[in-house]
Amino acid sequence: MRGVDDGDGGGRRDGGGPGDSGGDARFPTGRRRPRRTARVAGATAVAGLVAAGLFLAACSTGGTGSRDEGAARTDGVAAAAPTPSVSATTGPQSAERVDPIALLKADPKIGERLKADLKPCVADAYPVDASYGNLTNASAPDVVVNVMTCGDAVGIGTYVYRLQSDRYENVFMAEDAAVYATIDRGDLVVTKQVYAEGDPVAYPSGEDVITYRWSGNRFTQHDWVHNDYSRAVGDGAAEQPAPSEPAAD
């Protein structure tokens, strides 16, 4: 998560693709080459066997083979060679980019206080993430907008916009502390960090993960998961009390 406050900082939460594997772009792991080679070798072997069978059949009819029967036909070989299957694949659906800042500021459902606090962290870089995907089966991809604080990257609001009658309308919003939403295979997944008393901002005690699905004309809750975080590992590990001295006799 990221965040929106008057502090300095910011920067994208993520956004890079996988790193360079050092290999061929078509074969990043190098595992497809042997399989492809094996298929080609198998096809060559089949074609060779078929050609040998045609040659023996020509000789068994008597005469001198190709001089009596004419040039060997290649129709049988071509027919016997495996035909590569072509499966129709569809690429990712294109999404027309929208201005998430303009969506937020024009949204009548968002309070004026949040709009006033929505300022760039550095230059013109706002602490806002935008995701595009199919959540509501609309005519265009839906837009999920997450607003965060600049200093500690904590989510303070998440919004879903759906294209209706040539304009985007707010169909979901959650303005809670430490909230962030993502699109997962057509579902809206909202994560809320859970803080116990004394938890630092960077180390909550747990999280609630709530899955929503579009039903009719609104989102309904489909699933809920709560995770408790361990305090014994990582930089946020709680300090362990020192062992007590044995009591003197």
C-alpha atoms as a PDB file:
ATOM      1  CA  MET A   1       0.000   0.000   0.000  1.00  0.00           C
ATOM      2  CA  ARG A   2       0.948   3.642  -0.232  1.00  0.00           C
ATOM      3  CA  GLY A   3      -0.337   6.748   1.012  1.00  0.00           C
ATOM      4  CA  VAL A   4      -1.517  10.425   1.075  1.00  0.00           C
ATOM      5  CA  ASP A   5      -0.433  12.938   3.668  1.00  0.00           C
ATOM      6  CA  ASP A   6       1.521  16.130   3.794  1.00  0.00           C
ATOM      7  CA  GLY A   7       4.828  14.269   4.156  1.00  0.00           C
ATOM      8  CA  ASP A   8       7.446  13.856   1.496  1.00  0.00           C
ATOM      9  CA  GLY A   9       8.010  10.752  -0.527  1.00  0.00           C
ATOM     10  CA  GLY A  10       5.780   8.676  -2.711  1.00  0.00           C
ATOM     11  CA  GLY A  11       6.655   6.563  -5.635  1.00  0.00           C
ATOM     12  CA  ARG A  12       4.959   3.679  -7.241  1.00  0.00           C
ATOM     13  CA  ARG A  13       4.018   0.712  -5.207  1.00  0.00           C
ATOM     14  CA  ASP A  14       5.095  -1.624  -7.902  1.00  0.00           C
ATOM     15  CA  GLY A  15       4.699  -1.683 -11.622  1.00  0.00           C
ATOM     16  CA  GLY A  16       7.662  -3.459 -13.108  1.00  0.00           C
ATOM     17  CA  GLY A  17       7.432  -6.549 -15.137  1.00  0.00           C
ATOM     18  CA  PRO A  18       9.536  -9.610 -14.491  1.00  0.00           C
ATOM     19  CA  GLY A  19      13.269  -9.088 -14.555  1.00  0.00           C
ATOM     20  CA  ASP A  20      15.561  -9.974 -17.417  1.00  0.00           C
ATOM     21  CA  SER A  21      16.203 -13.704 -17.315  1.00  0.00           C
ATOM     22  CA  GLY A  22      19.253 -13.378 -19.525  1.00  0.00           C
ATOM     23  CA  GLY A  23      17.813 -15.729 -22.119  1.00  0.00           C
ATOM     24  CA  ASP A  24      15.963 -15.629 -25.374  1.00  0.00           C
ATOM     25  CA  ALA A  25      12.754 -13.588 -25.158  1.00  0.00           C
ATOM     26  CA  ARG A  26      10.787 -16.529 -26.539  1.00  0.00           C
ATOM     27  CA  PHE A  27      12.425 -19.034 -24.226  1.00  0.00           C
ATOM     28  CA  PRO A  28      13.165 -17.189 -20.961  1.00  0.00           C
ATOM     29  CA  THR A  29      13.683 -20.380 -18.967  1.00  0.00           C
ATOM     30  CA  GLY A  30      15.287 -22.485 -21.740  1.00  0.00           C
ATOM     31  CA  ARG A  31      12.866 -25.370 -21.140  1.00  0.00           C
ATOM     32  CA  ARG A  32      10.833 -25.121 -24.297  1.00  0.00           C
ATOM     33  CA  ARG A  33      13.702 -25.721 -26.675  1.00  0.00           C
ATOM     34  CA  PRO A  34      14.180 -29.478 -25.956  1.00  0.00           C
ATOM     35  CA  ARG A  35      10.441 -30.158 -26.202  1.00  0.00           C
ATOM     36  CA  ARG A  36      10.143 -28.347 -29.508  1.00  0.00           C
ATOM     37  CA  THR A  37      13.242 -30.111 -30.847  1.00  0.00           C
ATOM     38  CA  ALA A  38      11.835 -33.471 -29.822  1.00  0.00           C
ATOM     39  CA  ARG A  39       8.606 -32.844 -31.702  1.00  0.00           C
ATOM     40  CA  VAL A  40      10.491 -31.818 -34.850  1.00  0.00           C
ATOM     41  CA  ALA A  41      12.716 -34.877 -34.602  1.00  0.00           C
ATOM     42  CA  GLY A  42       9.676 -37.106 -34.147  1.00  0.00           C
ATOM     43  CA  ALA A  43       7.975 -35.611 -37.184  1.00  0.00           C
ATOM     44  CA  THR A  44      11.142 -36.121 -39.262  1.00  0.00           C
ATOM     45  CA  ALA A  45      11.346 -39.744 -38.158  1.00  0.00           C
ATOM     46  CA  VAL A  46       7.715 -40.376 -39.122  1.00  0.00           C
ATOM     47  CA  ALA A  47       8.233 -38.768 -42.519  1.00  0.00           C
ATOM     48  CA  GLY A  48      11.334 -40.905 -43.081  1.00  0.00           C
ATOM     49  CA  LEU A  49       9.505 -44.133 -42.260  1.00  0.00           C
ATOM     50  CA  VAL A  50       6.656 -43.248 -44.591  1.00  0.00           C
ATOM     51  CA  ALA A  51       9.083 -42.454 -47.414  1.00  0.00           C
ATOM     52  CA  ALA A  52      10.873 -45.785 -46.882  1.00  0.00           C
ATOM     53  CA  GLY A  53       7.541 -47.620 -47.005  1.00  0.00           C
ATOM     54  CA  LEU A  54       6.649 -45.986 -50.329  1.00  0.00           C
ATOM     55  CA  PHE A  55      10.012 -46.953 -51.774  1.00  0.00           C
ATOM     56  CA  LEU A  56       9.614 -50.628 -50.732  1.00  0.00           C
ATOM     57  CA  ALA A  57       6.073 -50.730 -52.101  1.00  0.00           C
ATOM     58  CA  ALA A  58       7.311 -49.443 -55.452  1.00  0.00           C
ATOM     59  CA  CYS A  59      10.024 -52.095 -55.617  1.00  0.00           C
ATOM     60  CA  SER A  60       7.647 -54.941 -54.692  1.00  0.00           C
ATOM     61  CA  THR A  61       5.512 -54.311 -57.773  1.00  0.00           C
ATOM     62  CA  GLY A  62       8.304 -55.451 -60.037  1.00  0.00           C
ATOM     63  CA  GLY A  63      10.347 -53.537 -62.571  1.00  0.00           C
ATOM     64  CA  THR A  64      12.912 -51.017 -61.601  1.00  0.00           C
ATOM     65  CA  GLY A  65      10.958 -48.956 -59.150  1.00  0.00           C
ATOM     66  CA  SER A  66      11.006 -45.255 -59.881  1.00  0.00           C
ATOM     67  CA  ARG A  67      11.953 -45.670 -63.572  1.00  0.00           C
ATOM     68  CA  ASP A  68       8.855 -47.816 -64.205  1.00  0.00           C
ATOM     69  CA  GLU A  69       6.459 -46.168 -61.811  1.00  0.00           C
ATOM     70  CA  GLY A  70       7.561 -42.576 -62.250  1.00  0.00           C
ATOM     71  CA  ALA A  71       8.760 -40.174 -59.617  1.00  0.00           C
ATOM     72  CA  ALA A  72       7.754 -41.037 -56.067  1.00  0.00           C
ATOM     73  CA  ARG A  73       4.713 -39.056 -54.940  1.00  0.00           C
ATOM     74  CA  THR A  74       5.069 -36.875 -51.910  1.00  0.00           C
ATOM     75  CA  ASP A  75       1.331 -36.573 -51.205  1.00  0.00           C
ATOM     76  CA  GLY A  76       1.449 -39.438 -48.714  1.00  0.00           C
ATOM     77  CA  VAL A  77       4.406 -37.923 -46.900  1.00  0.00           C
ATOM     78  CA  ALA A  78       2.746 -34.554 -46.660  1.00  0.00           C
ATOM     79  CA  ALA A  79      -0.463 -36.115 -45.402  1.00  0.00           C
ATOM     80  CA  ALA A  80       1.378 -38.191 -42.812  1.00  0.00           C
ATOM     81  CA  ALA A  81       3.351 -35.255 -41.419  1.00  0.00           C
ATOM     82  CA  PRO A  82       1.745 -33.883 -38.274  1.00  0.00           C
ATOM     83  CA  THR A  83      -0.180 -30.679 -38.808  1.00  0.00           C
ATOM     84  CA  PRO A  84       0.591 -28.060 -36.175  1.00  0.00           C
ATOM     85  CA  SER A  85      -2.501 -27.120 -34.272  1.00  0.00           C
ATOM     86  CA  VAL A  86      -3.414 -23.456 -34.202  1.00  0.00           C
ATOM     87  CA  SER A  87      -5.482 -22.338 -31.247  1.00  0.00           C
ATOM     88  CA  ALA A  88      -7.246 -19.023 -31.361  1.00  0.00           C
ATOM     89  CA  THR A  89      -5.978 -16.889 -28.523  1.00  0.00           C
ATOM     90  CA  THR A  90      -7.154 -13.505 -27.512  1.00  0.00           C
ATOM     91  CA  GLY A  91      -4.830 -10.902 -26.119  1.00  0.00           C
ATOM     92  CA  PRO A  92      -5.523  -8.656 -23.181  1.00  0.00           C
ATOM     93  CA  GLN A  93      -8.452  -6.356 -23.629  1.00  0.00           C
ATOM     94  CA  SER A  94      -7.300  -2.827 -24.294  1.00  0.00           C
ATOM     95  CA  ALA A  95      -8.272  -0.209 -21.768  1.00  0.00           C
ATOM     96  CA  GLU A  96      -8.589   3.469 -22.483  1.00  0.00           C
ATOM     97  CA  ARG A  97      -6.713   5.282 -19.743  1.00  0.00           C
ATOM     98  CA  VAL A  98      -8.626   7.798 -17.677  1.00  0.00           C
ATOM     99  CA  ASP A  99      -7.435  10.520 -15.337  1.00  0.00           C
ATOM    100  CA  PRO A 100      -8.017   9.105 -11.833  1.00  0.00           C
ATOM    101  CA  ILE A 101      -7.472  12.497 -10.212  1.00  0.00           C
ATOM    102  CA  ALA A 102     -10.215  14.017 -12.371  1.00  0.00           C
ATOM    103  CA  LEU A 103     -12.535  11.115 -11.478  1.00  0.00           C
ATOM    104  CA  LEU A 104     -11.983  11.665  -7.767  1.00  0.00           C
ATOM    105  CA  LYS A 105     -12.400  15.427  -7.827  1.00  0.00           C
ATOM    106  CA  ALA A 106     -15.582  15.239  -9.911  1.00  0.00           C
ATOM    107  CA  ASP A 107     -17.106  12.479  -7.769  1.00  0.00           C
ATOM    108  CA  PRO A 108     -20.043  13.859  -5.722  1.00  0.00           C
ATOM    109  CA  LYS A 109     -19.846  10.881  -3.340  1.00  0.00           C
ATOM    110  CA  ILE A 110     -16.380  11.846  -2.086  1.00  0.00           C
ATOM    111  CA  GLY A 111     -16.165  14.337   0.745  1.00  0.00           C
ATOM    112  CA  GLU A 112     -14.634  17.755   0.240  1.00  0.00           C
ATOM    113  CA  ARG A 113     -12.034  17.118   2.941  1.00  0.00           C
ATOM    114  CA  LEU A 114     -10.450  14.236   1.029  1.00  0.00           C
ATOM    115  CA  LYS A 115     -10.544  16.236  -2.181  1.00  0.00           C
ATOM    116  CA  ALA A 116      -8.786  19.131  -0.461  1.00  0.00           C
ATOM    117  CA  ASP A 117      -6.113  16.790   0.961  1.00  0.00           C
ATOM    118  CA  LEU A 118      -5.541  15.157  -2.415  1.00  0.00           C
ATOM    119  CA  LYS A 119      -2.301  16.853  -3.389  1.00  0.00           C
ATOM    120  CA  PRO A 120       0.861  15.763  -5.219  1.00  0.00           C
ATOM    121  CA  CYS A 121       3.599  14.201  -3.112  1.00  0.00           C
ATOM    122  CA  VAL A 122       6.386  15.337  -5.445  1.00  0.00           C
ATOM    123  CA  ALA A 123       5.964  17.701  -8.396  1.00  0.00           C
ATOM    124  CA  ASP A 124       2.783  16.480 -10.107  1.00  0.00           C
ATOM    125  CA  ALA A 125       2.949  12.883  -8.801  1.00  0.00           C
ATOM    126  CA  TYR A 126      -0.171  12.039  -6.816  1.00  0.00           C
ATOM    127  CA  PRO A 127      -0.298   9.110  -4.350  1.00  0.00           C
ATOM    128  CA  VAL A 128      -2.948   7.341  -6.420  1.00  0.00           C
ATOM    129  CA  ASP A 129      -2.985   3.916  -8.096  1.00  0.00           C
ATOM    130  CA  ALA A 130      -5.372   3.009 -10.926  1.00  0.00           C
ATOM    131  CA  SER A 131      -6.233  -0.511 -12.116  1.00  0.00           C
ATOM    132  CA  TYR A 132      -8.351  -1.527 -15.124  1.00  0.00           C
ATOM    133  CA  GLY A 133     -10.333  -4.749 -15.540  1.00  0.00           C
ATOM    134  CA  ASN A 134     -13.704  -6.409 -15.972  1.00  0.00           C
ATOM    135  CA  LEU A 135     -15.639  -6.298 -12.718  1.00  0.00           C
ATOM    136  CA  THR A 136     -19.188  -5.344 -13.757  1.00  0.00           C
ATOM    137  CA  ASN A 137     -19.444  -6.619 -17.364  1.00  0.00           C
ATOM    138  CA  ALA A 138     -19.749  -3.060 -18.602  1.00  0.00           C
ATOM    139  CA  SER A 139     -19.002  -1.958 -22.153  1.00  0.00           C
ATOM    140  CA  ALA A 140     -15.559  -0.751 -21.070  1.00  0.00           C
ATOM    141  CA  PRO A 141     -13.089  -1.872 -18.389  1.00  0.00           C
ATOM    142  CA  ASP A 142     -13.906  -0.754 -14.872  1.00  0.00           C
ATOM    143  CA  VAL A 143     -11.450   1.466 -13.005  1.00  0.00           C
ATOM    144  CA  VAL A 144     -10.265   0.825  -9.447  1.00  0.00           C
ATOM    145  CA  VAL A 145      -8.637   3.860  -7.802  1.00  0.00           C
ATOM    146  CA  ASN A 146      -6.651   3.639  -4.555  1.00  0.00           C
ATOM    147  CA  VAL A 147      -5.713   6.788  -2.645  1.00  0.00           C
ATOM    148  CA  MET A 148      -2.801   6.658  -0.182  1.00  0.00           C
ATOM    149  CA  THR A 149      -0.728   8.835   2.105  1.00  0.00           C
ATOM    150  CA  CYS A 150       2.548  10.190   0.783  1.00  0.00           C
ATOM    151  CA  GLY A 151       4.764   9.569   3.799  1.00  0.00           C
ATOM    152  CA  ASP A 152       3.999   5.984   4.836  1.00  0.00           C
ATOM    153  CA  ALA A 153       2.032   4.680   1.824  1.00  0.00           C
ATOM    154  CA  VAL A 154      -1.068   3.739   3.816  1.00  0.00           C
ATOM    155  CA  GLY A 155      -4.310   3.479   1.893  1.00  0.00           C
ATOM    156  CA  ILE A 156      -7.057   5.865   2.964  1.00  0.00           C
ATOM    157  CA  GLY A 157      -9.675   5.228   0.287  1.00  0.00           C
ATOM    158  CA  THR A 158     -10.540   2.901  -2.566  1.00  0.00           C
ATOM    159  CA  TYR A 159     -13.127   3.543  -5.299  1.00  0.00           C
ATOM    160  CA  VAL A 160     -14.563   1.628  -8.267  1.00  0.00           C
ATOM    161  CA  TYR A 161     -15.831   3.468 -11.343  1.00  0.00           C
ATOM    162  CA  ARG A 162     -18.085   1.926 -13.992  1.00  0.00           C
ATOM    163  CA  LEU A 163     -18.781   3.385 -17.431  1.00  0.00           C
ATOM    164  CA  GLN A 164     -22.483   4.136 -17.762  1.00  0.00           C
ATOM    165  CA  SER A 165     -24.025   6.311 -20.482  1.00  0.00           C
ATOM    166  CA  ASP A 166     -20.617   7.605 -21.610  1.00  0.00           C
ATOM    167  CA  ARG A 167     -19.564   8.659 -18.122  1.00  0.00           C
ATOM    168  CA  TYR A 168     -17.893   6.942 -15.176  1.00  0.00           C
ATOM    169  CA  GLU A 169     -19.946   6.536 -12.020  1.00  0.00           C
ATOM    170  CA  ASN A 170     -18.873   5.514  -8.530  1.00  0.00           C
ATOM    171  CA  VAL A 171     -20.291   2.041  -7.800  1.00  0.00           C
ATOM    172  CA  PHE A 172     -18.150   1.156  -4.766  1.00  0.00           C
ATOM    173  CA  MET A 173     -16.153   3.031  -2.155  1.00  0.00           C
ATOM    174  CA  ALA A 174     -14.390   2.264   1.121  1.00  0.00           C
ATOM    175  CA  GLU A 175     -12.827   5.137   3.036  1.00  0.00           C
ATOM    176  CA  ASP A 176     -11.099   3.323   5.874  1.00  0.00           C
ATOM    177  CA  ALA A 177      -7.622   3.480   7.325  1.00  0.00           C
ATOM    178  CA  ALA A 178      -5.151   1.117   5.647  1.00  0.00           C
ATOM    179  CA  VAL A 179      -7.466  -0.084   2.858  1.00  0.00           C
ATOM    180  CA  TYR A 180      -6.454  -1.171  -0.637  1.00  0.00           C
ATOM    181  CA  ALA A 181      -8.372  -2.881  -3.472  1.00  0.00           C
ATOM    182  CA  THR A 182      -7.272  -5.048  -6.397  1.00  0.00           C
ATOM    183  CA  ILE A 183      -8.904  -6.914  -9.285  1.00  0.00           C
ATOM    184  CA  ASP A 184      -8.555 -10.691  -9.142  1.00  0.00           C
ATOM    185  CA  ARG A 185     -10.075 -12.673 -12.051  1.00  0.00           C
ATOM    186  CA  GLY A 186     -13.238 -10.621 -12.134  1.00  0.00           C
ATOM    187  CA  ASP A 187     -13.548 -10.183  -8.366  1.00  0.00           C
ATOM    188  CA  LEU A 188     -12.950  -7.051  -6.329  1.00  0.00           C
ATOM    189  CA  VAL A 189     -10.598  -7.915  -3.450  1.00  0.00           C
ATOM    190  CA  VAL A 190     -10.377  -5.346  -0.643  1.00  0.00           C
ATOM    191  CA  THR A 191      -7.645  -5.677   1.984  1.00  0.00           C
ATOM    192  CA  LYS A 192      -7.891  -3.837   5.291  1.00  0.00           C
ATOM    193  CA  GLN A 193      -4.977  -3.807   7.722  1.00  0.00           C
ATOM    194  CA  VAL A 194      -5.924  -4.484  11.333  1.00  0.00           C
ATOM    195  CA  TYR A 195      -4.044  -2.626  14.066  1.00  0.00           C
ATOM    196  CA  ALA A 196      -3.957  -3.487  17.733  1.00  0.00           C
ATOM    197  CA  GLU A 197      -3.138  -0.928  20.392  1.00  0.00           C
ATOM    198  CA  GLY A 198       0.497   0.071  20.134  1.00  0.00           C
ATOM    199  CA  ASP A 199       1.039  -1.283  16.592  1.00  0.00           C
ATOM    200  CA  PRO A 200       3.327   0.895  14.458  1.00  0.00           C
ATOM    201  CA  VAL A 201       1.914   1.927  11.097  1.00  0.00           C
ATOM    202  CA  ALA A 202       4.323  -0.320   9.220  1.00  0.00           C
ATOM    203  CA  TYR A 203       3.504  -3.430  11.279  1.00  0.00           C
ATOM    204  CA  PRO A 204      -0.208  -4.161  11.763  1.00  0.00           C
ATOM    205  CA  SER A 205      -1.365  -7.144  13.778  1.00  0.00           C
ATOM    206  CA  GLY A 206      -3.275  -8.663  10.877  1.00  0.00           C
ATOM    207  CA  GLU A 207      -5.550  -8.080   7.919  1.00  0.00           C
ATOM    208  CA  ASP A 208      -9.066  -8.697   6.632  1.00  0.00           C
ATOM    209  CA  VAL A 209      -9.360  -9.777   2.988  1.00  0.00           C
ATOM    210  CA  ILE A 210     -12.886  -9.307   1.631  1.00  0.00           C
ATOM    211  CA  THR A 211     -13.944 -10.469  -1.827  1.00  0.00           C
ATOM    212  CA  TYR A 212     -16.835  -8.763  -3.625  1.00  0.00           C
ATOM    213  CA  ARG A 213     -18.684  -9.782  -6.784  1.00  0.00           C
ATOM    214  CA  TRP A 214     -20.963  -7.779  -9.013  1.00  0.00           C
ATOM    215  CA  SER A 215     -24.587  -8.860  -8.671  1.00  0.00           C
ATOM    216  CA  GLY A 216     -27.359  -7.028 -10.473  1.00  0.00           C
ATOM    217  CA  ASN A 217     -26.343  -3.413 -10.087  1.00  0.00           C
ATOM    218  CA  ARG A 218     -24.076  -3.530  -7.032  1.00  0.00           C
ATOM    219  CA  PHE A 219     -21.234  -5.404  -5.342  1.00  0.00           C
ATOM    220  CA  THR A 220     -22.057  -8.054  -2.756  1.00  0.00           C
ATOM    221  CA  GLN A 221     -19.658  -9.740  -0.346  1.00  0.00           C
ATOM    222  CA  HIS A 222     -18.643 -13.194  -1.534  1.00  0.00           C
ATOM    223  CA  ASP A 223     -15.818 -14.202   0.790  1.00  0.00           C
ATOM    224  CA  TRP A 224     -13.936 -13.060   3.888  1.00  0.00           C
ATOM    225  CA  VAL A 225     -10.553 -14.113   5.265  1.00  0.00           C
ATOM    226  CA  HIS A 226      -8.718 -12.836   8.348  1.00  0.00           C
ATOM    227  CA  ASN A 227      -4.963 -13.263   8.759  1.00  0.00           C
ATOM    228  CA  ASP A 228      -3.012 -12.739  11.970  1.00  0.00           C
ATOM    229  CA  TYR A 229       0.624 -11.746  11.487  1.00  0.00           C
ATOM    230  CA  SER A 230       3.435 -13.283  13.473  1.00  0.00           C
ATOM    231  CA  ARG A 231       5.346 -10.980  15.773  1.00  0.00           C
ATOM    232  CA  ALA A 232       8.320 -13.301  16.000  1.00  0.00           C
ATOM    233  CA  VAL A 233       9.818 -12.707  12.545  1.00  0.00           C
ATOM    234  CA  GLY A 234      10.934  -9.817  10.368  1.00  0.00           C
ATOM    235  CA  ASP A 235      11.882  -6.265  11.203  1.00  0.00           C
ATOM    236  CA  GLY A 236       8.673  -5.836  13.167  1.00  0.00           C
ATOM    237  CA  ALA A 237       9.386  -8.665  15.577  1.00  0.00           C
ATOM    238  CA  ALA A 238       8.424  -7.812  19.115  1.00  0.00           C
ATOM    239  CA  GLU A 239      11.222  -7.566  21.614  1.00  0.00           C
ATOM    240  CA  GLN A 240      11.516 -10.680  23.722  1.00  0.00           C
ATOM    241  CA  PRO A 241      11.963 -10.241  27.468  1.00  0.00           C
ATOM    242  CA  ALA A 242      15.410 -11.053  28.821  1.00  0.00           C
ATOM    243  CA  PRO A 243      15.678 -14.382  30.664  1.00  0.00           C
ATOM    244  CA  SER A 244      15.270 -13.994  34.415  1.00  0.00           C
ATOM    245  CA  GLU A 245      18.145 -14.715  36.787  1.00  0.00           C
ATOM    246  CA  PRO A 246      17.822 -17.920  38.810  1.00  0.00           C
ATOM    247  CA  ALA A 247      16.660 -17.284  42.366  1.00  0.00           C
ATOM    248  CA  ALA A 248      19.435 -17.456  44.961  1.00  0.00           C
ATOM    249  CA  ASP A 249      19.204 -20.223  47.534  1.00  0.00           C
END
